[in-house]
Amino acid sequence: MYWKLNNCQLASSLISVHEDECYICGDGGELLMCDKGRCSKCYHKDCLGGDVTTRGKWICPWHFCDDCGKTANILCSECPNSYCKAHASGQITELGNGIHVCCDHILTRKKTTQNQAEVENDGDDLVASPGIE
């Protein structure tokens, strides 16, 4: 069975949804939206620093290696840091399930994971003794 889409259905399926806050600072306001594929990232012009050209298609820094500027293959899940395969070693760690975290966030991510494990285990130590109410 084949489905035929009209032009409105096709156009609405191609529209990407962007985030409501800057990927660097987390605040809302006037944001630049990335035009790459299905990237949902947005940024304040001031947060990007330097001269940002917004004419035509704009691709956000998350898609380029922080060290050499080539296309990034490994993107941090917490911030715009990203690296190509040649520069990723020692800069970014895979936590599993395709989640990568750069060295700026690995310690906070580990602490968060440890805190969650401690909270989950807090009730495990309480064992009722038989005959004691």
N, C-alpha and C. Protein backbone atom coordinates (compact mmCIF):
# COMPACT_ATOMS: atom_id res chain seq x y z
N MET A 1 0.85 -1.17 0.00
CA MET A 1 0.00 0.00 0.00
C MET A 1 0.90 1.24 0.00
N TYR A 2 0.61 2.18 -0.84
CA TYR A 2 1.38 3.41 -0.94
C TYR A 2 0.51 4.59 -0.53
N TRP A 3 1.10 5.55 0.13
CA TRP A 3 0.39 6.75 0.54
C TRP A 3 0.90 7.90 -0.29
N LYS A 4 0.00 8.68 -0.81
CA LYS A 4 0.37 9.85 -1.59
C LYS A 4 0.17 11.08 -0.71
N LEU A 5 1.24 11.86 -0.52
CA LEU A 5 1.15 13.07 0.30
C LEU A 5 0.91 14.27 -0.59
N ASN A 6 0.06 15.18 -0.13
CA ASN A 6 -0.09 16.43 -0.86
C ASN A 6 1.05 17.36 -0.48
N ASN A 7 1.20 18.48 -1.13
CA ASN A 7 2.32 19.39 -0.90
C ASN A 7 2.36 19.92 0.53
N CYS A 8 1.20 20.20 1.14
CA CYS A 8 1.17 20.69 2.53
C CYS A 8 1.68 19.63 3.49
N GLN A 9 1.27 18.38 3.31
CA GLN A 9 1.73 17.30 4.19
C GLN A 9 3.24 17.10 4.03
N LEU A 10 3.74 17.16 2.81
CA LEU A 10 5.16 16.98 2.56
C LEU A 10 5.96 18.11 3.18
N ALA A 11 5.51 19.34 3.02
CA ALA A 11 6.21 20.50 3.58
C ALA A 11 6.23 20.43 5.10
N SER A 12 5.11 20.06 5.73
CA SER A 12 5.08 20.01 7.19
C SER A 12 5.96 18.89 7.74
N SER A 13 6.18 17.83 6.97
CA SER A 13 7.03 16.75 7.45
C SER A 13 8.51 17.13 7.36
N LEU A 14 8.84 18.15 6.58
CA LEU A 14 10.23 18.58 6.43
C LEU A 14 10.62 19.71 7.38
N ILE A 15 9.65 20.29 8.08
CA ILE A 15 9.92 21.39 8.99
C ILE A 15 10.59 20.84 10.24
N SER A 16 11.74 21.42 10.61
CA SER A 16 12.39 20.96 11.83
C SER A 16 11.94 21.80 13.01
N VAL A 17 11.92 21.18 14.16
CA VAL A 17 11.53 21.85 15.39
C VAL A 17 12.80 22.26 16.12
N HIS A 18 12.88 23.53 16.47
CA HIS A 18 14.06 24.04 17.16
C HIS A 18 13.77 24.23 18.65
N GLU A 19 14.83 24.17 19.43
CA GLU A 19 14.72 24.38 20.87
C GLU A 19 14.37 25.84 21.15
N ASP A 20 13.88 26.10 22.35
CA ASP A 20 13.47 27.44 22.74
C ASP A 20 14.55 28.22 23.47
N GLU A 21 15.68 27.58 23.75
CA GLU A 21 16.74 28.26 24.49
C GLU A 21 18.09 28.03 23.83
N CYS A 22 19.00 28.92 24.14
CA CYS A 22 20.36 28.88 23.61
C CYS A 22 21.07 27.62 24.12
N TYR A 23 21.75 26.92 23.23
CA TYR A 23 22.44 25.68 23.60
C TYR A 23 23.69 25.95 24.43
N ILE A 24 24.15 27.19 24.48
CA ILE A 24 25.33 27.54 25.27
C ILE A 24 24.93 28.01 26.67
N CYS A 25 24.05 28.99 26.76
CA CYS A 25 23.72 29.58 28.07
C CYS A 25 22.40 29.09 28.65
N GLY A 26 21.52 28.53 27.82
CA GLY A 26 20.25 28.01 28.31
C GLY A 26 19.13 29.03 28.41
N ASP A 27 19.39 30.29 28.03
CA ASP A 27 18.36 31.33 28.09
C ASP A 27 17.62 31.43 26.76
N GLY A 28 16.43 31.99 26.81
CA GLY A 28 15.65 32.23 25.60
C GLY A 28 16.00 33.59 25.02
N GLY A 29 15.16 34.07 24.14
CA GLY A 29 15.38 35.37 23.53
C GLY A 29 15.51 35.24 22.02
N GLU A 30 16.21 36.20 21.42
CA GLU A 30 16.43 36.18 19.97
C GLU A 30 17.54 35.18 19.66
N LEU A 31 17.18 34.11 18.96
CA LEU A 31 18.09 32.99 18.74
C LEU A 31 18.34 32.74 17.26
N LEU A 32 19.57 32.31 16.95
CA LEU A 32 19.90 31.84 15.61
C LEU A 32 19.61 30.35 15.57
N MET A 33 18.91 29.89 14.54
CA MET A 33 18.56 28.49 14.43
C MET A 33 19.43 27.81 13.39
N CYS A 34 19.96 26.64 13.73
CA CYS A 34 20.80 25.88 12.81
C CYS A 34 19.95 25.38 11.64
N ASP A 35 20.51 25.48 10.44
CA ASP A 35 19.81 25.06 9.23
C ASP A 35 20.22 23.68 8.75
N LYS A 36 21.07 22.98 9.50
CA LYS A 36 21.54 21.67 9.05
C LYS A 36 20.50 20.60 9.37
N GLY A 37 20.06 19.93 8.34
CA GLY A 37 19.17 18.77 8.48
C GLY A 37 18.15 18.90 9.57
N ARG A 38 18.19 18.01 10.53
CA ARG A 38 17.23 17.99 11.62
C ARG A 38 17.82 18.52 12.92
N CYS A 39 18.85 19.34 12.83
CA CYS A 39 19.45 19.92 14.03
C CYS A 39 18.45 20.89 14.67
N SER A 40 18.27 20.75 15.97
CA SER A 40 17.30 21.58 16.69
C SER A 40 17.97 22.68 17.50
N LYS A 41 19.29 22.81 17.38
CA LYS A 41 20.04 23.73 18.24
C LYS A 41 19.86 25.19 17.83
N CYS A 42 19.83 26.04 18.86
CA CYS A 42 19.71 27.50 18.68
C CYS A 42 20.74 28.18 19.56
N TYR A 43 21.14 29.38 19.16
CA TYR A 43 22.20 30.10 19.88
C TYR A 43 21.92 31.60 19.86
N HIS A 44 22.35 32.29 20.93
CA HIS A 44 22.40 33.75 20.90
C HIS A 44 23.62 34.14 20.09
N LYS A 45 23.50 35.18 19.32
CA LYS A 45 24.64 35.67 18.54
C LYS A 45 25.80 36.03 19.48
N ASP A 46 25.49 36.66 20.62
CA ASP A 46 26.53 37.05 21.58
C ASP A 46 27.23 35.83 22.19
N CYS A 47 26.50 34.74 22.42
CA CYS A 47 27.11 33.54 23.01
C CYS A 47 28.11 32.89 22.05
N LEU A 48 27.89 33.05 20.76
CA LEU A 48 28.81 32.47 19.78
C LEU A 48 30.12 33.24 19.70
N GLY A 49 30.09 34.52 20.08
CA GLY A 49 31.30 35.35 20.05
C GLY A 49 31.74 35.63 18.63
N GLY A 50 32.58 36.62 18.48
CA GLY A 50 33.11 36.95 17.15
C GLY A 50 32.05 37.38 16.17
N ASP A 51 32.45 37.45 14.93
CA ASP A 51 31.52 37.83 13.86
C ASP A 51 30.79 36.60 13.36
N VAL A 52 29.48 36.63 13.47
CA VAL A 52 28.65 35.53 13.00
C VAL A 52 27.90 36.01 11.77
N THR A 53 28.14 35.34 10.65
CA THR A 53 27.44 35.68 9.42
C THR A 53 26.17 34.86 9.36
N THR A 54 25.06 35.55 9.22
CA THR A 54 23.77 34.86 9.21
C THR A 54 23.09 34.93 7.84
N ARG A 55 23.81 35.31 6.84
CA ARG A 55 23.22 35.34 5.50
C ARG A 55 23.18 33.94 4.94
N GLY A 56 22.05 33.60 4.34
CA GLY A 56 21.92 32.28 3.74
C GLY A 56 21.80 31.19 4.79
N LYS A 57 22.20 30.00 4.41
CA LYS A 57 22.11 28.84 5.30
C LYS A 57 23.19 28.94 6.37
N TRP A 58 22.77 28.79 7.64
CA TRP A 58 23.72 28.88 8.76
C TRP A 58 23.79 27.54 9.47
N ILE A 59 25.00 27.02 9.59
CA ILE A 59 25.24 25.74 10.27
C ILE A 59 25.91 26.05 11.61
N CYS A 60 25.37 25.52 12.68
CA CYS A 60 25.88 25.82 14.01
C CYS A 60 27.22 25.14 14.29
N PRO A 61 27.95 25.64 15.30
CA PRO A 61 29.29 25.12 15.60
C PRO A 61 29.31 23.67 16.07
N TRP A 62 28.18 23.12 16.46
CA TRP A 62 28.10 21.74 16.94
C TRP A 62 28.50 20.74 15.85
N HIS A 63 28.45 21.17 14.59
CA HIS A 63 28.72 20.28 13.46
C HIS A 63 30.16 20.35 12.96
N PHE A 64 31.00 21.12 13.65
CA PHE A 64 32.39 21.29 13.22
C PHE A 64 33.35 20.98 14.37
N CYS A 65 34.46 20.34 14.04
CA CYS A 65 35.46 19.98 15.04
C CYS A 65 36.01 21.22 15.71
N ASP A 66 36.06 21.18 17.04
CA ASP A 66 36.58 22.31 17.82
C ASP A 66 38.06 22.56 17.55
N ASP A 67 38.80 21.52 17.17
CA ASP A 67 40.24 21.65 16.96
C ASP A 67 40.64 22.06 15.56
N CYS A 68 39.98 21.50 14.54
CA CYS A 68 40.43 21.77 13.16
C CYS A 68 39.38 22.39 12.26
N GLY A 69 38.11 22.40 12.67
CA GLY A 69 37.05 23.01 11.86
C GLY A 69 36.44 22.09 10.82
N LYS A 70 36.97 20.87 10.69
CA LYS A 70 36.38 19.91 9.75
C LYS A 70 35.05 19.40 10.31
N THR A 71 34.33 18.65 9.49
CA THR A 71 33.05 18.10 9.93
C THR A 71 33.23 17.23 11.16
N ALA A 72 32.42 17.48 12.17
CA ALA A 72 32.49 16.72 13.42
C ALA A 72 31.69 15.43 13.29
N ASN A 73 32.26 14.34 13.81
CA ASN A 73 31.59 13.04 13.82
C ASN A 73 31.06 12.69 15.20
N ILE A 74 31.67 13.29 16.25
CA ILE A 74 31.32 12.95 17.62
C ILE A 74 30.93 14.24 18.35
N LEU A 75 29.69 14.31 18.78
CA LEU A 75 29.13 15.53 19.36
C LEU A 75 28.82 15.33 20.84
N CYS A 76 29.22 16.28 21.67
CA CYS A 76 28.90 16.22 23.10
C CYS A 76 27.39 16.39 23.27
N SER A 77 26.81 15.58 24.15
CA SER A 77 25.37 15.65 24.41
C SER A 77 24.99 16.80 25.33
N GLU A 78 25.98 17.43 25.96
CA GLU A 78 25.72 18.47 26.96
C GLU A 78 26.00 19.89 26.48
N CYS A 79 26.84 20.04 25.45
CA CYS A 79 27.26 21.37 25.01
C CYS A 79 27.68 21.33 23.53
N PRO A 80 28.02 22.47 22.94
CA PRO A 80 28.39 22.51 21.53
C PRO A 80 29.76 21.92 21.20
N ASN A 81 30.51 21.41 22.18
CA ASN A 81 31.80 20.81 21.87
C ASN A 81 31.61 19.60 20.98
N SER A 82 32.45 19.51 19.95
CA SER A 82 32.35 18.41 19.00
C SER A 82 33.71 18.22 18.34
N TYR A 83 33.94 16.98 17.85
CA TYR A 83 35.26 16.66 17.31
C TYR A 83 35.15 15.73 16.11
N CYS A 84 36.14 15.83 15.22
CA CYS A 84 36.27 14.86 14.15
C CYS A 84 36.95 13.63 14.74
N LYS A 85 36.99 12.54 13.99
CA LYS A 85 37.59 11.30 14.51
C LYS A 85 39.05 11.49 14.87
N ALA A 86 39.76 12.33 14.14
CA ALA A 86 41.19 12.55 14.37
C ALA A 86 41.46 13.25 15.71
N HIS A 87 40.52 14.05 16.20
CA HIS A 87 40.75 14.84 17.42
C HIS A 87 39.89 14.41 18.62
N ALA A 88 39.08 13.40 18.47
CA ALA A 88 38.16 13.00 19.54
C ALA A 88 38.86 12.30 20.71
N SER A 89 39.94 11.61 20.44
CA SER A 89 40.62 10.84 21.49
C SER A 89 41.05 11.73 22.65
N GLY A 90 40.60 11.37 23.84
CA GLY A 90 40.94 12.13 25.04
C GLY A 90 40.09 13.37 25.25
N GLN A 91 39.28 13.73 24.28
CA GLN A 91 38.45 14.92 24.39
C GLN A 91 36.99 14.61 24.73
N ILE A 92 36.56 13.41 24.33
CA ILE A 92 35.14 13.07 24.47
C ILE A 92 35.02 11.57 24.76
N THR A 93 34.05 11.21 25.59
CA THR A 93 33.88 9.83 26.04
C THR A 93 32.47 9.37 25.74
N GLU A 94 32.33 8.13 25.28
CA GLU A 94 31.00 7.58 25.06
C GLU A 94 30.52 6.93 26.34
N LEU A 95 29.33 7.31 26.78
CA LEU A 95 28.75 6.77 28.00
C LEU A 95 27.85 5.57 27.74
N GLY A 96 27.58 5.32 26.49
CA GLY A 96 26.67 4.24 26.11
C GLY A 96 25.43 4.80 25.46
N ASN A 97 24.74 3.95 24.73
CA ASN A 97 23.51 4.34 24.02
C ASN A 97 23.72 5.53 23.09
N GLY A 98 24.93 5.68 22.55
CA GLY A 98 25.21 6.77 21.62
C GLY A 98 25.37 8.13 22.28
N ILE A 99 25.44 8.17 23.61
CA ILE A 99 25.61 9.44 24.33
C ILE A 99 27.10 9.69 24.52
N HIS A 100 27.55 10.85 24.05
CA HIS A 100 28.94 11.25 24.20
C HIS A 100 29.01 12.50 25.08
N VAL A 101 30.02 12.57 25.93
CA VAL A 101 30.20 13.71 26.81
C VAL A 101 31.65 14.15 26.72
N CYS A 102 31.87 15.46 26.55
CA CYS A 102 33.23 15.99 26.46
C CYS A 102 33.86 16.06 27.84
N CYS A 103 35.16 16.31 27.88
CA CYS A 103 35.88 16.33 29.16
C CYS A 103 35.36 17.44 30.08
N ASP A 104 34.71 18.47 29.53
CA ASP A 104 34.13 19.53 30.37
C ASP A 104 32.97 19.01 31.23
N HIS A 105 32.32 17.93 30.79
CA HIS A 105 31.12 17.45 31.46
C HIS A 105 31.24 16.05 32.03
N ILE A 106 32.32 15.36 31.78
CA ILE A 106 32.42 13.97 32.22
C ILE A 106 32.37 13.87 33.74
N LEU A 107 33.01 14.79 34.45
CA LEU A 107 32.99 14.73 35.91
C LEU A 107 31.61 15.01 36.47
N THR A 108 30.93 16.03 35.94
CA THR A 108 29.58 16.33 36.43
C THR A 108 28.62 15.21 36.08
N ARG A 109 28.79 14.58 34.93
CA ARG A 109 27.92 13.48 34.52
C ARG A 109 28.15 12.27 35.43
N LYS A 110 29.42 12.00 35.78
CA LYS A 110 29.72 10.88 36.69
C LYS A 110 29.14 11.15 38.07
N LYS A 111 29.26 12.40 38.57
CA LYS A 111 28.71 12.74 39.88
C LYS A 111 27.20 12.58 39.89
N THR A 112 26.55 13.01 38.84
CA THR A 112 25.09 12.88 38.74
C THR A 112 24.69 11.42 38.76
N THR A 113 25.42 10.59 38.01
CA THR A 113 25.13 9.16 37.96
C THR A 113 25.35 8.52 39.33
N GLN A 114 26.44 8.91 40.02
CA GLN A 114 26.71 8.37 41.35
C GLN A 114 25.63 8.79 42.35
N ASN A 115 25.21 10.07 42.29
CA ASN A 115 24.16 10.56 43.19
C ASN A 115 22.85 9.82 42.96
N GLN A 116 22.52 9.56 41.69
CA GLN A 116 21.29 8.84 41.39
C GLN A 116 21.37 7.42 41.94
N ALA A 117 22.53 6.78 41.81
CA ALA A 117 22.71 5.42 42.32
C ALA A 117 22.58 5.40 43.84
N GLU A 118 23.13 6.41 44.52
CA GLU A 118 23.04 6.48 45.98
C GLU A 118 21.59 6.65 46.43
N VAL A 119 20.84 7.49 45.74
CA VAL A 119 19.44 7.71 46.08
C VAL A 119 18.65 6.43 45.88
N GLU A 120 18.91 5.72 44.78
CA GLU A 120 18.21 4.47 44.51
C GLU A 120 18.55 3.40 45.54
N ASN A 121 19.77 3.42 46.07
CA ASN A 121 20.22 2.40 47.01
C ASN A 121 19.92 2.75 48.47
N ASP A 122 19.46 3.96 48.77
CA ASP A 122 19.21 4.37 50.14
C ASP A 122 18.22 3.45 50.85
N GLY A 123 17.21 3.01 50.19
CA GLY A 123 16.20 2.15 50.80
C GLY A 123 16.62 0.70 50.87
N ASP A 124 17.67 0.31 50.14
CA ASP A 124 18.09 -1.09 50.09
C ASP A 124 18.71 -1.57 51.39
N ASP A 125 19.27 -0.66 52.19
CA ASP A 125 19.95 -1.05 53.42
C ASP A 125 18.97 -1.32 54.57
N LEU A 126 17.74 -0.89 54.40
CA LEU A 126 16.76 -1.07 55.47
C LEU A 126 16.10 -2.43 55.34
N VAL A 127 16.44 -3.33 56.26
CA VAL A 127 15.87 -4.67 56.23
C VAL A 127 15.21 -4.91 57.59
N ALA A 128 13.96 -5.27 57.57
CA ALA A 128 13.23 -5.52 58.81
C ALA A 128 13.69 -6.83 59.42
N SER A 129 13.93 -6.81 60.73
CA SER A 129 14.29 -8.04 61.44
C SER A 129 13.03 -8.80 61.78
N PRO A 130 13.06 -10.11 61.68
CA PRO A 130 11.86 -10.89 62.00
C PRO A 130 11.45 -10.73 63.45
N GLY A 131 10.19 -10.54 63.69
CA GLY A 131 9.66 -10.44 65.05
C GLY A 131 9.77 -9.06 65.65
N ILE A 132 10.38 -8.09 64.97
CA ILE A 132 10.50 -6.74 65.50
C ILE A 132 9.60 -5.82 64.69
N GLU A 133 8.75 -5.08 65.36
CA GLU A 133 7.86 -4.16 64.66
C GLU A 133 8.22 -2.75 64.94
